[in-house]
Amino acid sequence: MNAEAIEARIKAGMEFDRVEVSGEGCGFQAYVVSQEFVGKNTLARHRMVYATLGADMGTAIHALSIKAYAPNEI
């Protein structure tokens, strides 16, 4: 899996204002801004992003660093 494929999956799985994914191999970094994060804690936000990637988390993607913000936090 590559950064572009991960970015596309996140975008397809949730409403977003901004999504950027970088990295290669099995380690990636995601920057996600979404209205869906309003009122959610960090763990809930990360779970929402992980849910868009399904079974690939832990198999095709071994490490994903997530920075998740609500629009009013940036």
C-alpha atoms as a PDB file:
ATOM      1  CA  MET A   1       0.000   0.000   0.000  1.00  0.00           C
ATOM      2  CA  ASN A   2       1.226   3.519  -0.718  1.00  0.00           C
ATOM      3  CA  ALA A   3       0.461   6.965   0.681  1.00  0.00           C
ATOM      4  CA  GLU A   4      -1.920   7.843  -2.159  1.00  0.00           C
ATOM      5  CA  ALA A   5      -4.005   4.704  -1.600  1.00  0.00           C
ATOM      6  CA  ILE A   6      -4.222   5.350   2.145  1.00  0.00           C
ATOM      7  CA  GLU A   7      -5.240   8.959   1.528  1.00  0.00           C
ATOM      8  CA  ALA A   8      -7.950   7.845  -0.901  1.00  0.00           C
ATOM      9  CA  ARG A   9      -9.339   5.330   1.619  1.00  0.00           C
ATOM     10  CA  ILE A  10      -9.495   7.930   4.389  1.00  0.00           C
ATOM     11  CA  LYS A  11     -11.207  10.415   2.061  1.00  0.00           C
ATOM     12  CA  ALA A  12     -13.733   7.792   0.959  1.00  0.00           C
ATOM     13  CA  GLY A  13     -14.495   6.722   4.511  1.00  0.00           C
ATOM     14  CA  MET A  14     -15.272  10.007   6.218  1.00  0.00           C
ATOM     15  CA  GLU A  15     -16.180  13.635   5.688  1.00  0.00           C
ATOM     16  CA  PHE A  16     -13.069  15.758   5.693  1.00  0.00           C
ATOM     17  CA  ASP A  17     -11.798  19.273   5.238  1.00  0.00           C
ATOM     18  CA  ARG A  18      -8.217  18.209   4.579  1.00  0.00           C
ATOM     19  CA  VAL A  19      -6.357  14.891   4.337  1.00  0.00           C
ATOM     20  CA  GLU A  20      -2.646  14.492   3.634  1.00  0.00           C
ATOM     21  CA  VAL A  21      -0.753  11.216   3.903  1.00  0.00           C
ATOM     22  CA  SER A  22       2.988  10.780   3.496  1.00  0.00           C
ATOM     23  CA  GLY A  23       5.433   7.937   4.006  1.00  0.00           C
ATOM     24  CA  GLU A  24       6.457   4.742   2.304  1.00  0.00           C
ATOM     25  CA  GLY A  25       6.965   1.064   2.919  1.00  0.00           C
ATOM     26  CA  CYS A  26       4.881   0.146   5.954  1.00  0.00           C
ATOM     27  CA  GLY A  27       5.169   3.444   7.879  1.00  0.00           C
ATOM     28  CA  PHE A  28       2.970   6.454   7.155  1.00  0.00           C
ATOM     29  CA  GLN A  29       1.888   9.795   8.612  1.00  0.00           C
ATOM     30  CA  ALA A  30      -1.642  11.127   8.223  1.00  0.00           C
ATOM     31  CA  TYR A  31      -2.829  14.687   8.794  1.00  0.00           C
ATOM     32  CA  VAL A  32      -6.618  14.801   8.899  1.00  0.00           C
ATOM     33  CA  VAL A  33      -8.938  17.740   9.518  1.00  0.00           C
ATOM     34  CA  SER A  34     -12.605  16.837   9.818  1.00  0.00           C
ATOM     35  CA  GLN A  35     -15.779  18.319  11.217  1.00  0.00           C
ATOM     36  CA  GLU A  36     -16.522  14.777  12.443  1.00  0.00           C
ATOM     37  CA  PHE A  37     -13.808  15.223  15.093  1.00  0.00           C
ATOM     38  CA  VAL A  38     -15.614  18.038  16.922  1.00  0.00           C
ATOM     39  CA  GLY A  39     -16.242  16.957  20.510  1.00  0.00           C
ATOM     40  CA  LYS A  40     -14.233  13.739  20.144  1.00  0.00           C
ATOM     41  CA  ASN A  41     -11.099  12.895  22.116  1.00  0.00           C
ATOM     42  CA  THR A  42      -7.831  11.824  20.492  1.00  0.00           C
ATOM     43  CA  LEU A  43      -8.486   8.086  20.842  1.00  0.00           C
ATOM     44  CA  ALA A  44     -11.928   8.366  19.230  1.00  0.00           C
ATOM     45  CA  ARG A  45     -10.473  10.390  16.350  1.00  0.00           C
ATOM     46  CA  HIS A  46      -7.752   7.827  15.720  1.00  0.00           C
ATOM     47  CA  ARG A  47     -10.288   5.001  15.789  1.00  0.00           C
ATOM     48  CA  MET A  48     -12.351   6.830  13.181  1.00  0.00           C
ATOM     49  CA  VAL A  49      -9.339   7.072  10.871  1.00  0.00           C
ATOM     50  CA  TYR A  50      -8.342   3.437  11.518  1.00  0.00           C
ATOM     51  CA  ALA A  51     -11.891   2.350  10.663  1.00  0.00           C
ATOM     52  CA  THR A  52     -11.500   3.750   7.133  1.00  0.00           C
ATOM     53  CA  LEU A  53      -8.496   1.461   6.600  1.00  0.00           C
ATOM     54  CA  GLY A  54     -10.104  -1.718   7.913  1.00  0.00           C
ATOM     55  CA  ALA A  55      -8.074  -4.923   7.829  1.00  0.00           C
ATOM     56  CA  ASP A  56      -5.096  -3.209   6.171  1.00  0.00           C
ATOM     57  CA  MET A  57      -4.202  -1.725   9.557  1.00  0.00           C
ATOM     58  CA  GLY A  58      -1.666  -4.132  10.983  1.00  0.00           C
ATOM     59  CA  THR A  59      -1.134  -6.014   7.728  1.00  0.00           C
ATOM     60  CA  ALA A  60      -0.313  -3.737   4.784  1.00  0.00           C
ATOM     61  CA  ILE A  61       0.138  -0.761   7.120  1.00  0.00           C
ATOM     62  CA  HIS A  62       2.300  -1.469  10.153  1.00  0.00           C
ATOM     63  CA  ALA A  63       2.728   2.071  11.453  1.00  0.00           C
ATOM     64  CA  LEU A  64       0.450   5.059  11.007  1.00  0.00           C
ATOM     65  CA  SER A  65       1.063   8.288  12.888  1.00  0.00           C
ATOM     66  CA  ILE A  66      -2.123  10.353  12.948  1.00  0.00           C
ATOM     67  CA  LYS A  67      -2.610  14.051  13.590  1.00  0.00           C
ATOM     68  CA  ALA A  68      -6.371  14.584  13.740  1.00  0.00           C
ATOM     69  CA  TYR A  69      -7.957  18.003  14.227  1.00  0.00           C
ATOM     70  CA  ALA A  70     -11.366  19.603  14.135  1.00  0.00           C
ATOM     71  CA  PRO A  71     -11.448  22.649  11.813  1.00  0.00           C
ATOM     72  CA  ASN A  72     -11.610  25.093  14.740  1.00  0.00           C
ATOM     73  CA  GLU A  73      -8.375  23.651  16.198  1.00  0.00           C
ATOM     74  CA  ILE A  74      -6.039  24.618  13.370  1.00  0.00           C
END
